[in-house]
Amino acid sequence: MSEWYIVRTQPSDEENVKGFLEQNGFETKLFYRESYFRKEGKVTTVTRKLFPNYLFVISVSLVKSYIIFILIS
């Protein structure tokens, strides 16, 4: 059975933590949202994180999860 975890990261460090966890066999999710702004007559698209400083992680092995999360802390 797999379990989902939420990992709180340092500001703007989600991508680094995501890479580390994926190298160690975890499936991770970062959620983004697109916002559209009109500026000087042009429409600009801005992509931002939906949950800044948080990363969603799924793990099958609880023991492996515990060891990796200790290393990150």
Protein backbone atom coordinates (compact mmCIF):
# COMPACT_ATOMS: atom_id res chain seq x y z
CA MET A 1 0.00 0.00 0.00
CA SER A 2 1.35 3.41 -0.89
CA GLU A 3 1.09 6.48 1.29
CA TRP A 4 1.20 10.18 0.49
CA TYR A 5 3.35 12.59 2.46
CA ILE A 6 3.65 16.35 2.41
CA VAL A 7 7.20 17.66 2.69
CA ARG A 8 7.81 21.26 3.71
CA THR A 9 10.86 22.71 2.01
CA GLN A 10 12.93 25.83 2.27
CA PRO A 11 11.59 28.72 0.17
CA SER A 12 12.14 28.13 -3.55
CA ASP A 13 13.89 24.81 -2.89
CA GLU A 14 11.08 22.50 -4.06
CA GLU A 15 12.81 21.56 -7.33
CA ASN A 16 16.05 20.53 -5.56
CA VAL A 17 14.21 18.35 -3.04
CA LYS A 18 12.09 16.87 -5.83
CA GLY A 19 15.22 15.87 -7.75
CA PHE A 20 16.79 14.31 -4.66
CA LEU A 21 13.69 12.26 -3.84
CA GLU A 22 13.17 11.11 -7.42
CA GLN A 23 16.79 9.89 -7.54
CA ASN A 24 15.97 7.79 -4.47
CA GLY A 25 12.91 6.14 -6.02
CA PHE A 26 10.05 8.33 -4.84
CA GLU A 27 7.21 9.67 -6.95
CA THR A 28 6.75 13.39 -6.35
CA LYS A 29 4.20 15.98 -7.39
CA LEU A 30 4.40 19.75 -7.60
CA PHE A 31 1.23 21.59 -8.52
CA TYR A 32 1.27 24.76 -10.58
CA ARG A 33 -1.31 27.32 -11.64
CA GLU A 34 -1.30 29.69 -14.56
CA SER A 35 -2.39 33.28 -14.18
CA TYR A 36 -3.06 35.66 -17.04
CA PHE A 37 -2.37 39.37 -16.74
CA ARG A 38 -2.95 42.21 -19.14
CA LYS A 39 -0.01 44.59 -19.13
CA GLU A 40 0.41 47.41 -21.61
CA GLY A 41 -2.11 45.83 -23.96
CA LYS A 42 -0.40 42.41 -23.96
CA VAL A 43 -1.57 39.27 -22.18
CA THR A 44 1.17 37.74 -20.05
CA THR A 45 1.06 34.23 -18.64
CA VAL A 46 2.68 33.62 -15.26
CA THR A 47 3.14 30.11 -13.83
CA ARG A 48 3.30 29.91 -10.04
CA LYS A 49 3.38 27.11 -7.52
CA LEU A 50 -0.04 26.31 -6.10
CA PHE A 51 1.45 25.32 -2.73
CA PRO A 52 4.74 27.23 -2.28
CA ASN A 53 7.32 25.48 -0.05
CA TYR A 54 5.43 22.14 -0.16
CA LEU A 55 6.10 18.96 -2.12
CA PHE A 56 3.80 15.94 -2.33
CA VAL A 57 5.54 12.54 -2.12
CA ILE A 58 4.20 9.03 -2.56
CA SER A 59 6.12 6.10 -1.10
CA VAL A 60 5.55 2.37 -1.04
CA SER A 61 8.14 1.49 1.60
CA LEU A 62 7.66 3.10 5.01
CA VAL A 63 11.17 2.15 6.20
CA LYS A 64 12.78 3.71 3.13
CA SER A 65 10.63 6.80 3.61
CA TYR A 66 11.74 7.17 7.21
CA ILE A 67 15.42 6.92 6.32
CA ILE A 68 15.22 9.40 3.42
CA PHE A 69 13.18 11.94 5.41
CA ILE A 70 15.76 11.84 8.21
CA LEU A 71 18.50 12.58 5.67
CA ILE A 72 16.57 15.58 4.34
CA SER A 73 15.81 17.06 7.78
